[in-house]
């Protein structure tokens, strides 16, 4: 028998954190933060953290990993289990988050302990935490992302984390073979009735056309990207389009933690698609080190990019405009109508990115108001599954009876629940709610 308690990501996107209990064993599935105007944390009490036997992180994004330094700052002595690239990317993203946000609930000792108390695992290799048998399988979302299988000998649970069922430039789609589970915890980021993804090639073609329009007018294109995942995907696509001559050749500047994440991707290319591995290892054609890319390493360099008259593309963090260099570019370039901002990833409610996506003509940054005159366009390059893909996936899971729907705006989670009610026991949990099956 398994018990689940949902301490985050219930009726919301952010702070994924689910406590699983079985026969005296307790594990956490993810430990994220919800970044917005005010950061929000999982509702699990600090006094309960010491009894947890292990933490498993599905992938490195902060909404799944950003609470780890707090957990270790409370004195937690257990281990976190991840794949190697997830561990490396988590350290980079968490360090950047702590530097920018300076949260009061994190200590230097906690960060150091987090970096030491880890166990590296591999895809499809079973490991145990006390009586629980656990396996990670590819989720196709970002480098090192995993779905998590947990089996206590009587019941089996599958947790999607964030999942993608389409091939990308870097990754194969999520693993869907020979899956069996009594219960599924599924994300629902794009599970609404109106969520149906266009073919990625069509989206990218349109995005490149839009970029060419701005470049022709002498403008600068700003692409906010998550340091790990969407940024690399966008950069590899832009590199290919420049090489083919479809995208006008202008400098592509890479600013923020994306540069460190690029190196981690290169060092962990064995977790990428075979095609990309062969391209690097056999042909010595390394797209991560393309001559079309120009890393931004100093404030002076960033200032020059913003003040000169050169048309260019700037790919920079953060993806939802919650911090990082993109804020400086917005302050300096956002008031110029010839420039453009292209949003490629999810913009959470309450973030600056969501406000701009919704048409804000003025934004407040560090107590000062700035006009938004640059063009803002959204080209949906999702690393998540849409509703149709999620439904198809569930149909392939043998023995599935219970579905817990998380990691989505409440109305989207409810719309997925409505589609499942005649086939499964489908639930949209509330924060703090627990279930036993």
Foldseek 3Di string as FASTA:
>chain_A
DKKKWFQDQFQFAFQGWIWIDDPQAIEIEFFAWDFFPDIHGGPDDLVPLQSHQEYEFQAQPRSGHQCQQLNLLSVHQAAYEFAPLRLVSNLLVNVVCCVWVVDPSGDPRSSVSNNVRYDHDDAPDWDDRVQKIKGWWDQQQFQRGTWIWIDNPPFIEIENNFHFCPAAPWAHHTDQPPAAGQEYEYEQAFQAPPRDDDPQVVLVLVVLVVLQVLQVVLAEEEEAAALTGPLVRVQLVVLVCVVVVNHPQFAEEEEDSNLVSLVSCVVVSVSTDPVQVCCCPPVVNHSSPDPSYDYDDDPVSVVCVLPDSGYYYYYYDDLQQSDGPVVVSCQRPQVPASYEYEHAEDHGPNTPSVCVVVPDQWDADPNDIGGGNYHYYYRHPHSGDHNVVVVVSVVSHPNYAEYEYGNYNNNSSVNSCVVCVVPHNYYSDDNRDMDDD
